[in-house]
Amino acid sequence: MKTNMGNLDRMIRFLLALVMGLLIYYDVVGGVISYILLAIIGIFALTSLVGFCPFYAVLGWNTFSQKR
């Protein structure tokens, strides 16, 4: 599978997942919103670790810069 995410994009996704996780952990958000955030956390964490985002592939976006 070809990567389509650059390091900055991956880091931002991982940090957002971490912040959302902390919001849930410290009960800043709760109820249905916490379950929605958990789903987003899972998606962000997985895509940042793998380096591939299916949504980017559908739109044709690529944040990965290749050195020539």
N, C-alpha and C. Protein backbone atom coordinates (compact mmCIF):
# COMPACT_ATOMS: atom_id res chain seq x y z
N MET A 1 0.85 -1.18 0.00
CA MET A 1 0.00 0.00 0.00
C MET A 1 0.89 1.24 0.00
N LYS A 2 0.60 2.16 -0.87
CA LYS A 2 1.39 3.37 -1.02
C LYS A 2 0.96 4.40 0.03
N THR A 3 1.93 5.05 0.63
CA THR A 3 1.62 6.06 1.64
C THR A 3 1.18 7.35 0.96
N ASN A 4 0.24 8.03 1.54
CA ASN A 4 -0.21 9.31 1.00
C ASN A 4 -0.25 10.39 2.08
N MET A 5 0.39 10.12 3.21
CA MET A 5 0.39 11.08 4.31
C MET A 5 1.83 11.43 4.69
N GLY A 6 2.10 12.73 4.79
CA GLY A 6 3.41 13.19 5.21
C GLY A 6 3.56 13.10 6.72
N ASN A 7 4.78 13.30 7.19
CA ASN A 7 5.06 13.19 8.62
C ASN A 7 4.31 14.23 9.44
N LEU A 8 4.21 15.45 8.94
CA LEU A 8 3.49 16.49 9.67
C LEU A 8 2.01 16.13 9.80
N ASP A 9 1.42 15.64 8.72
CA ASP A 9 0.02 15.21 8.73
C ASP A 9 -0.20 14.09 9.74
N ARG A 10 0.71 13.12 9.75
CA ARG A 10 0.59 11.99 10.67
C ARG A 10 0.72 12.46 12.12
N MET A 11 1.64 13.39 12.38
CA MET A 11 1.84 13.89 13.73
C MET A 11 0.61 14.68 14.21
N ILE A 12 0.05 15.49 13.34
CA ILE A 12 -1.13 16.28 13.70
C ILE A 12 -2.31 15.36 14.03
N ARG A 13 -2.52 14.33 13.21
CA ARG A 13 -3.60 13.37 13.47
C ARG A 13 -3.41 12.67 14.81
N PHE A 14 -2.17 12.26 15.09
CA PHE A 14 -1.90 11.55 16.34
C PHE A 14 -2.12 12.48 17.54
N LEU A 15 -1.66 13.73 17.44
CA LEU A 15 -1.85 14.67 18.54
C LEU A 15 -3.33 15.00 18.76
N LEU A 16 -4.10 15.13 17.67
CA LEU A 16 -5.54 15.35 17.81
C LEU A 16 -6.21 14.16 18.49
N ALA A 17 -5.81 12.96 18.12
CA ALA A 17 -6.36 11.77 18.77
C ALA A 17 -6.03 11.76 20.25
N LEU A 18 -4.81 12.15 20.59
CA LEU A 18 -4.40 12.21 21.99
C LEU A 18 -5.21 13.24 22.77
N VAL A 19 -5.40 14.41 22.21
CA VAL A 19 -6.17 15.46 22.87
C VAL A 19 -7.62 15.03 23.07
N MET A 20 -8.21 14.42 22.04
CA MET A 20 -9.59 13.95 22.17
C MET A 20 -9.70 12.85 23.22
N GLY A 21 -8.68 11.99 23.28
CA GLY A 21 -8.67 10.94 24.31
C GLY A 21 -8.60 11.52 25.70
N LEU A 22 -7.80 12.58 25.87
CA LEU A 22 -7.70 13.23 27.18
C LEU A 22 -9.01 13.92 27.56
N LEU A 23 -9.70 14.48 26.58
CA LEU A 23 -11.01 15.10 26.86
C LEU A 23 -12.00 14.08 27.38
N ILE A 24 -11.96 12.89 26.82
CA ILE A 24 -12.85 11.83 27.29
C ILE A 24 -12.40 11.33 28.65
N TYR A 25 -11.10 11.13 28.83
CA TYR A 25 -10.56 10.58 30.07
C TYR A 25 -10.88 11.49 31.27
N TYR A 26 -10.76 12.81 31.07
CA TYR A 26 -11.00 13.74 32.17
C TYR A 26 -12.45 14.22 32.23
N ASP A 27 -13.36 13.52 31.56
CA ASP A 27 -14.80 13.81 31.58
C ASP A 27 -15.16 15.23 31.17
N VAL A 28 -14.41 15.78 30.23
CA VAL A 28 -14.77 17.08 29.69
C VAL A 28 -15.95 16.91 28.74
N VAL A 29 -15.96 15.81 28.01
CA VAL A 29 -17.08 15.47 27.14
C VAL A 29 -17.63 14.13 27.59
N GLY A 30 -18.89 13.92 27.35
CA GLY A 30 -19.51 12.67 27.76
C GLY A 30 -20.69 12.33 26.87
N GLY A 31 -21.32 11.24 27.19
CA GLY A 31 -22.51 10.83 26.45
C GLY A 31 -22.20 10.39 25.04
N VAL A 32 -23.09 10.74 24.14
CA VAL A 32 -22.97 10.33 22.75
C VAL A 32 -21.74 10.95 22.09
N ILE A 33 -21.42 12.17 22.46
CA ILE A 33 -20.26 12.85 21.88
C ILE A 33 -18.98 12.08 22.17
N SER A 34 -18.88 11.48 23.34
CA SER A 34 -17.66 10.72 23.67
C SER A 34 -17.53 9.49 22.78
N TYR A 35 -18.64 8.87 22.43
CA TYR A 35 -18.58 7.71 21.53
C TYR A 35 -18.19 8.12 20.10
N ILE A 36 -18.68 9.27 19.68
CA ILE A 36 -18.30 9.78 18.37
C ILE A 36 -16.80 10.10 18.35
N LEU A 37 -16.33 10.72 19.43
CA LEU A 37 -14.90 11.03 19.52
C LEU A 37 -14.05 9.76 19.56
N LEU A 38 -14.54 8.73 20.23
CA LEU A 38 -13.80 7.46 20.25
C LEU A 38 -13.65 6.88 18.85
N ALA A 39 -14.68 6.99 18.04
CA ALA A 39 -14.59 6.51 16.66
C ALA A 39 -13.57 7.34 15.87
N ILE A 40 -13.61 8.65 16.05
CA ILE A 40 -12.66 9.52 15.36
C ILE A 40 -11.23 9.25 15.84
N ILE A 41 -11.07 9.02 17.15
CA ILE A 41 -9.76 8.69 17.70
C ILE A 41 -9.21 7.43 17.04
N GLY A 42 -10.05 6.42 16.92
CA GLY A 42 -9.62 5.17 16.30
C GLY A 42 -9.18 5.38 14.86
N ILE A 43 -9.94 6.14 14.12
CA ILE A 43 -9.61 6.41 12.72
C ILE A 43 -8.31 7.21 12.63
N PHE A 44 -8.20 8.28 13.41
CA PHE A 44 -7.00 9.11 13.36
C PHE A 44 -5.76 8.34 13.79
N ALA A 45 -5.87 7.56 14.86
CA ALA A 45 -4.71 6.81 15.35
C ALA A 45 -4.28 5.76 14.32
N LEU A 46 -5.24 5.05 13.76
CA LEU A 46 -4.91 4.01 12.78
C LEU A 46 -4.28 4.60 11.52
N THR A 47 -4.89 5.65 10.99
CA THR A 47 -4.35 6.24 9.77
C THR A 47 -3.00 6.90 10.00
N SER A 48 -2.78 7.45 11.18
CA SER A 48 -1.47 8.07 11.44
C SER A 48 -0.39 7.00 11.61
N LEU A 49 -0.73 5.86 12.17
CA LEU A 49 0.26 4.80 12.33
C LEU A 49 0.56 4.10 11.01
N VAL A 50 -0.46 3.91 10.18
CA VAL A 50 -0.29 3.22 8.91
C VAL A 50 0.29 4.15 7.84
N GLY A 51 -0.07 5.42 7.90
CA GLY A 51 0.41 6.39 6.92
C GLY A 51 -0.43 6.43 5.66
N PHE A 52 -1.64 5.91 5.73
CA PHE A 52 -2.53 5.89 4.57
C PHE A 52 -3.93 6.29 5.01
N CYS A 53 -4.53 7.20 4.28
CA CYS A 53 -5.90 7.63 4.55
C CYS A 53 -6.76 7.34 3.32
N PRO A 54 -7.75 6.45 3.44
CA PRO A 54 -8.60 6.13 2.29
C PRO A 54 -9.35 7.35 1.75
N PHE A 55 -9.71 8.26 2.62
CA PHE A 55 -10.40 9.47 2.18
C PHE A 55 -9.51 10.32 1.28
N TYR A 56 -8.21 10.41 1.63
CA TYR A 56 -7.25 11.13 0.79
C TYR A 56 -7.14 10.46 -0.58
N ALA A 57 -7.15 9.13 -0.60
CA ALA A 57 -7.03 8.39 -1.85
C ALA A 57 -8.23 8.67 -2.76
N VAL A 58 -9.43 8.73 -2.18
CA VAL A 58 -10.63 9.00 -2.96
C VAL A 58 -10.58 10.40 -3.57
N LEU A 59 -10.10 11.36 -2.78
CA LEU A 59 -10.04 12.74 -3.26
C LEU A 59 -8.79 13.04 -4.09
N GLY A 60 -7.83 12.11 -4.07
CA GLY A 60 -6.59 12.31 -4.83
C GLY A 60 -5.60 13.21 -4.12
N TRP A 61 -5.75 13.39 -2.83
CA TRP A 61 -4.82 14.22 -2.06
C TRP A 61 -3.60 13.43 -1.68
N ASN A 62 -2.48 14.12 -1.51
CA ASN A 62 -1.24 13.49 -1.10
C ASN A 62 -0.43 14.52 -0.33
N THR A 63 -0.19 14.29 0.94
CA THR A 63 0.62 15.18 1.75
C THR A 63 2.03 14.65 1.94
N PHE A 64 2.34 13.54 1.28
CA PHE A 64 3.65 12.91 1.37
C PHE A 64 4.51 13.50 0.25
N SER A 65 5.60 14.16 0.64
CA SER A 65 6.50 14.72 -0.36
C SER A 65 7.68 13.78 -0.58
N GLN A 66 7.91 13.42 -1.81
CA GLN A 66 9.00 12.52 -2.14
C GLN A 66 10.21 13.34 -2.55
N LYS A 67 11.37 12.95 -2.03
CA LYS A 67 12.61 13.63 -2.40
C LYS A 67 13.05 13.11 -3.76
N ARG A 68 13.52 14.00 -4.60
CA ARG A 68 13.97 13.59 -5.94
C ARG A 68 15.45 13.46 -5.99
